[in-house]
Structure formats: C-alpha cells, structure tokens
C-alpha cells in the first residue's frame, strides 16, 4: 500500500513541476532555427544563382543549329594535279 502511495505522490510532484510557467530567469534549450541559419543562407544563394543563370540563358538565346540533313557551304579548292588527294579524286 505504501508503494502505491509513494508512486502517486511522485506523480503529483512531477505533474506540478512540469506545468510551471517559464519566467524571465528560466533557462531554455537551443533553438533548431539557429542551426539552420547558414544552411538556409547557402540554399537561398544557390537558388538565386540558378535563377540568374536560367534567366541569362533565356535572354541571350541559343544559337540556331542547322538541321542534321542540311549542308553548309564550304569553299574547298580542288587539289593540285599530282598530289595524292587529286589522284584519288581522278580515280573515282
């Protein structure tokens, strides 16, 4: 019987101690927000840089690439007679 009364007494004390309102002099644990400050700053900078890069790519535009089947004009001189390249061209 005394064990039950002791347990009830302890639970009443714990309940009374846990419901105390913090005062001006009370000590609080560290906040999780203070740890994430530098990480959030780096994340924000990375997002800003990515947005600026995407904007720059859109504004500058991409150069037009010719289709794979199109031929660009290349000015090539015919090889001089007697060179190996000229001999190959003549045999064909």
N, C-alpha and C. Protein backbone atom coordinates (compact mmCIF):
# COMPACT_ATOMS: atom_id res chain seq x y z
N UNK A 1 0.82 -1.19 0.00
CA UNK A 1 0.00 0.00 0.00
C UNK A 1 0.86 1.26 0.00
N UNK A 2 1.98 1.21 0.73
CA UNK A 2 2.85 2.38 0.80
C UNK A 2 3.54 2.61 -0.56
N UNK A 3 3.81 1.56 -1.32
CA UNK A 3 4.41 1.72 -2.65
C UNK A 3 3.48 2.49 -3.59
N UNK A 4 2.20 2.17 -3.49
CA UNK A 4 1.22 2.84 -4.34
C UNK A 4 1.10 4.31 -3.96
N UNK A 5 1.09 4.59 -2.64
CA UNK A 5 1.00 5.97 -2.19
C UNK A 5 2.25 6.76 -2.58
N UNK A 6 3.42 6.12 -2.48
CA UNK A 6 4.65 6.79 -2.89
C UNK A 6 4.63 7.11 -4.39
N UNK A 7 4.15 6.18 -5.19
CA UNK A 7 4.08 6.39 -6.64
C UNK A 7 3.10 7.52 -6.98
N UNK A 8 1.97 7.55 -6.28
CA UNK A 8 1.01 8.63 -6.51
C UNK A 8 1.59 9.99 -6.09
N UNK A 9 2.30 9.99 -4.98
CA UNK A 9 2.91 11.23 -4.50
C UNK A 9 3.95 11.75 -5.51
N UNK A 10 4.78 10.84 -6.03
CA UNK A 10 5.80 11.23 -7.02
C UNK A 10 5.16 11.74 -8.31
N UNK A 11 4.10 11.09 -8.75
CA UNK A 11 3.45 11.54 -9.99
C UNK A 11 2.81 12.91 -9.80
N UNK A 12 2.27 13.17 -8.59
CA UNK A 12 1.73 14.51 -8.32
C UNK A 12 2.83 15.57 -8.34
N UNK A 13 3.98 15.26 -7.79
CA UNK A 13 5.10 16.21 -7.79
C UNK A 13 5.59 16.47 -9.22
N UNK A 14 5.70 15.41 -10.02
CA UNK A 14 6.15 15.57 -11.41
C UNK A 14 5.15 16.40 -12.21
N UNK A 15 3.88 16.16 -11.99
CA UNK A 15 2.84 16.91 -12.70
C UNK A 15 2.90 18.39 -12.31
N UNK A 16 3.11 18.68 -11.03
CA UNK A 16 3.20 20.07 -10.58
C UNK A 16 4.45 20.76 -11.10
N UNK A 17 5.56 20.02 -11.19
CA UNK A 17 6.81 20.61 -11.68
C UNK A 17 6.79 20.82 -13.19
N UNK A 18 6.10 19.98 -13.94
CA UNK A 18 6.11 20.08 -15.39
C UNK A 18 5.18 21.18 -15.91
N UNK A 19 4.22 21.62 -15.12
CA UNK A 19 3.28 22.63 -15.56
C UNK A 19 3.69 24.04 -15.15
N UNK A 20 4.92 24.23 -14.77
CA UNK A 20 5.34 25.55 -14.35
C UNK A 20 5.50 26.46 -15.57
N UNK A 21 5.13 27.71 -15.42
CA UNK A 21 5.24 28.70 -16.48
C UNK A 21 6.66 29.26 -16.45
N UNK A 22 7.34 29.32 -17.59
CA UNK A 22 8.69 29.85 -17.58
C UNK A 22 8.68 31.34 -17.23
N UNK A 23 9.69 31.73 -16.44
CA UNK A 23 9.82 33.12 -16.03
C UNK A 23 10.92 33.81 -16.80
N UNK A 24 11.27 35.01 -16.35
CA UNK A 24 12.32 35.76 -17.02
C UNK A 24 13.69 35.14 -16.81
N UNK A 25 13.89 34.47 -15.71
CA UNK A 25 15.19 33.89 -15.39
C UNK A 25 15.32 32.42 -15.80
N UNK A 26 14.30 31.85 -16.42
CA UNK A 26 14.35 30.43 -16.77
C UNK A 26 15.32 30.19 -17.92
N UNK A 27 15.95 29.04 -17.91
CA UNK A 27 16.90 28.64 -18.95
C UNK A 27 16.17 27.81 -20.00
N UNK A 28 16.38 28.15 -21.25
CA UNK A 28 15.74 27.42 -22.34
C UNK A 28 16.80 26.70 -23.16
N UNK A 29 16.39 25.62 -23.83
CA UNK A 29 17.30 24.89 -24.70
C UNK A 29 17.55 25.66 -25.98
N UNK A 30 18.55 25.22 -26.75
CA UNK A 30 18.88 25.88 -28.01
C UNK A 30 17.77 25.65 -29.02
N UNK A 31 17.56 26.62 -29.85
CA UNK A 31 16.53 26.54 -30.87
C UNK A 31 17.10 25.84 -32.11
N UNK A 32 16.27 25.10 -32.81
CA UNK A 32 16.69 24.43 -34.04
C UNK A 32 16.87 25.43 -35.18
N UNK A 33 16.24 26.59 -35.06
CA UNK A 33 16.34 27.59 -36.12
C UNK A 33 17.75 28.16 -36.21
N UNK A 34 18.42 28.32 -35.08
CA UNK A 34 19.75 28.91 -35.10
C UNK A 34 20.75 28.02 -35.84
N UNK A 35 20.53 26.72 -35.83
CA UNK A 35 21.44 25.81 -36.54
C UNK A 35 21.22 25.84 -38.05
N UNK A 36 20.01 26.14 -38.48
CA UNK A 36 19.72 26.09 -39.90
C UNK A 36 19.99 27.42 -40.60
N UNK A 37 20.40 28.44 -39.89
CA UNK A 37 20.64 29.75 -40.48
C UNK A 37 21.64 29.74 -41.62
N UNK A 38 22.87 29.26 -41.41
CA UNK A 38 23.85 29.25 -42.51
C UNK A 38 23.43 28.34 -43.66
N UNK A 39 22.79 27.23 -43.35
CA UNK A 39 22.34 26.34 -44.42
C UNK A 39 21.26 26.99 -45.27
N UNK A 40 20.35 27.69 -44.63
CA UNK A 40 19.30 28.36 -45.37
C UNK A 40 19.87 29.50 -46.22
N UNK A 41 20.88 30.17 -45.72
CA UNK A 41 21.52 31.23 -46.48
C UNK A 41 22.19 30.66 -47.73
N UNK A 42 22.91 29.57 -47.58
CA UNK A 42 23.56 28.93 -48.74
C UNK A 42 22.53 28.41 -49.73
N UNK A 43 21.45 27.85 -49.24
CA UNK A 43 20.40 27.36 -50.12
C UNK A 43 19.76 28.51 -50.89
N UNK A 44 19.53 29.61 -50.21
CA UNK A 44 18.96 30.78 -50.87
C UNK A 44 19.88 31.33 -51.94
N UNK A 45 21.18 31.38 -51.65
CA UNK A 45 22.15 31.86 -52.64
C UNK A 45 22.21 30.94 -53.84
N UNK A 46 22.16 29.64 -53.60
CA UNK A 46 22.20 28.68 -54.71
C UNK A 46 20.97 28.83 -55.60
N UNK A 47 19.81 29.02 -55.00
CA UNK A 47 18.58 29.19 -55.78
C UNK A 47 18.65 30.48 -56.58
N UNK A 48 19.16 31.56 -55.97
CA UNK A 48 19.28 32.83 -56.68
C UNK A 48 20.24 32.71 -57.87
N UNK A 49 21.38 32.04 -57.68
CA UNK A 49 22.34 31.87 -58.78
C UNK A 49 21.74 31.04 -59.90
N UNK A 50 21.02 30.00 -59.55
CA UNK A 50 20.38 29.17 -60.57
C UNK A 50 19.34 29.97 -61.34
N UNK A 51 18.56 30.77 -60.65
CA UNK A 51 17.55 31.59 -61.33
C UNK A 51 18.22 32.60 -62.25
N UNK A 52 19.31 33.22 -61.81
CA UNK A 52 20.02 34.18 -62.66
C UNK A 52 20.61 33.50 -63.88
N UNK A 53 21.15 32.30 -63.71
CA UNK A 53 21.71 31.56 -64.84
C UNK A 53 20.63 31.21 -65.86
N UNK A 54 19.48 30.75 -65.38
CA UNK A 54 18.39 30.41 -66.30
C UNK A 54 17.89 31.65 -67.02
N UNK A 55 17.80 32.75 -66.33
CA UNK A 55 17.37 33.99 -66.96
C UNK A 55 18.36 34.45 -68.02
N UNK A 56 19.64 34.34 -67.72
CA UNK A 56 20.68 34.73 -68.67
C UNK A 56 20.64 33.87 -69.93
N UNK A 57 20.42 32.56 -69.75
CA UNK A 57 20.35 31.66 -70.90
C UNK A 57 19.13 32.00 -71.75
N UNK A 58 18.01 32.30 -71.12
CA UNK A 58 16.80 32.63 -71.88
C UNK A 58 16.95 33.96 -72.62
N UNK A 59 17.55 34.95 -71.97
CA UNK A 59 17.67 36.27 -72.59
C UNK A 59 18.68 36.25 -73.72
N UNK A 60 19.81 35.60 -73.51
CA UNK A 60 20.85 35.60 -74.54
C UNK A 60 20.45 34.77 -75.74
N UNK A 61 19.58 33.80 -75.56
CA UNK A 61 19.11 32.97 -76.67
C UNK A 61 20.18 31.97 -77.08
N UNK A 62 19.74 30.88 -77.61
CA UNK A 62 20.69 29.88 -78.06
C UNK A 62 20.93 30.06 -79.56
N UNK A 63 22.15 29.84 -80.03
CA UNK A 63 22.42 29.97 -81.46
C UNK A 63 21.68 28.89 -82.22
N UNK A 64 21.23 29.25 -83.41
CA UNK A 64 20.50 28.28 -84.20
C UNK A 64 21.45 27.23 -84.75
N UNK A 65 21.09 26.00 -84.57
CA UNK A 65 21.90 24.89 -85.05
C UNK A 65 21.24 24.36 -86.30
N UNK A 66 21.99 24.20 -87.39
CA UNK A 66 21.38 23.70 -88.61
C UNK A 66 20.91 22.28 -88.43
N UNK A 67 19.89 21.92 -89.20
CA UNK A 67 19.37 20.57 -89.13
C UNK A 67 20.44 19.58 -89.57
N UNK A 68 20.30 18.34 -89.15
CA UNK A 68 21.34 17.35 -89.42
C UNK A 68 21.47 17.06 -90.92
N UNK A 69 20.40 17.26 -91.71
CA UNK A 69 20.46 16.96 -93.13
C UNK A 69 20.97 18.11 -93.98
N UNK A 70 21.01 19.31 -93.42
CA UNK A 70 21.41 20.45 -94.25
C UNK A 70 22.93 20.51 -94.38
N UNK A 71 23.35 21.07 -95.49
CA UNK A 71 24.78 21.19 -95.78
C UNK A 71 25.13 22.66 -95.80
N UNK A 72 26.17 23.02 -95.12
CA UNK A 72 26.63 24.40 -95.16
C UNK A 72 27.60 24.56 -96.31
N UNK A 73 27.68 25.75 -96.80
CA UNK A 73 28.58 25.97 -97.94
C UNK A 73 30.02 26.01 -97.46
N UNK A 74 30.82 25.21 -98.04
CA UNK A 74 32.23 25.14 -97.71
C UNK A 74 33.00 25.40 -99.00
N UNK A 75 33.83 26.38 -98.97
CA UNK A 75 34.62 26.64 -100.18
C UNK A 75 35.90 25.82 -100.10
N UNK A 76 35.97 24.87 -100.95
CA UNK A 76 37.14 24.00 -100.98
C UNK A 76 37.78 24.11 -102.34
N UNK A 77 39.05 24.25 -102.33
CA UNK A 77 39.78 24.33 -103.59
C UNK A 77 40.07 22.92 -104.08
N UNK A 78 40.08 22.77 -105.36
CA UNK A 78 40.44 21.46 -105.90
C UNK A 78 41.93 21.26 -105.71
N UNK A 79 42.33 20.05 -105.35
CA UNK A 79 43.75 19.81 -105.13
C UNK A 79 44.52 19.92 -106.44
N UNK A 80 45.74 20.31 -106.31
CA UNK A 80 46.62 20.44 -107.47
C UNK A 80 46.91 19.06 -108.05
N UNK A 81 47.14 19.02 -109.35
CA UNK A 81 47.43 17.75 -110.02
C UNK A 81 48.75 17.20 -109.50
N UNK A 82 48.79 15.94 -109.31
CA UNK A 82 50.00 15.28 -108.85
C UNK A 82 50.02 15.05 -107.34
N UNK A 83 49.07 15.62 -106.60
CA UNK A 83 49.02 15.37 -105.15
C UNK A 83 48.21 14.12 -104.90
N UNK A 84 48.43 13.46 -103.79
CA UNK A 84 47.69 12.22 -103.53
C UNK A 84 46.18 12.42 -103.51
N UNK A 85 45.70 13.55 -103.03
CA UNK A 85 44.27 13.80 -102.99
C UNK A 85 43.72 13.92 -104.41
N UNK A 86 44.44 14.57 -105.29
CA UNK A 86 43.99 14.70 -106.68
C UNK A 86 43.95 13.35 -107.37
N UNK A 87 44.91 12.49 -107.09
CA UNK A 87 44.92 11.17 -107.70
C UNK A 87 43.69 10.36 -107.25
N UNK A 88 43.31 10.49 -105.99
CA UNK A 88 42.13 9.76 -105.50
C UNK A 88 40.87 10.28 -106.17
N UNK A 89 40.77 11.59 -106.32
CA UNK A 89 39.59 12.18 -106.95
C UNK A 89 39.50 11.75 -108.40
N UNK A 90 40.62 11.68 -109.12
CA UNK A 90 40.59 11.31 -110.53
C UNK A 90 40.22 9.86 -110.71
N UNK A 91 40.59 8.97 -109.81
CA UNK A 91 40.31 7.54 -109.96
C UNK A 91 38.84 7.25 -109.75
N UNK A 92 38.15 8.06 -109.01
CA UNK A 92 36.73 7.80 -108.75
C UNK A 92 35.95 8.15 -109.90
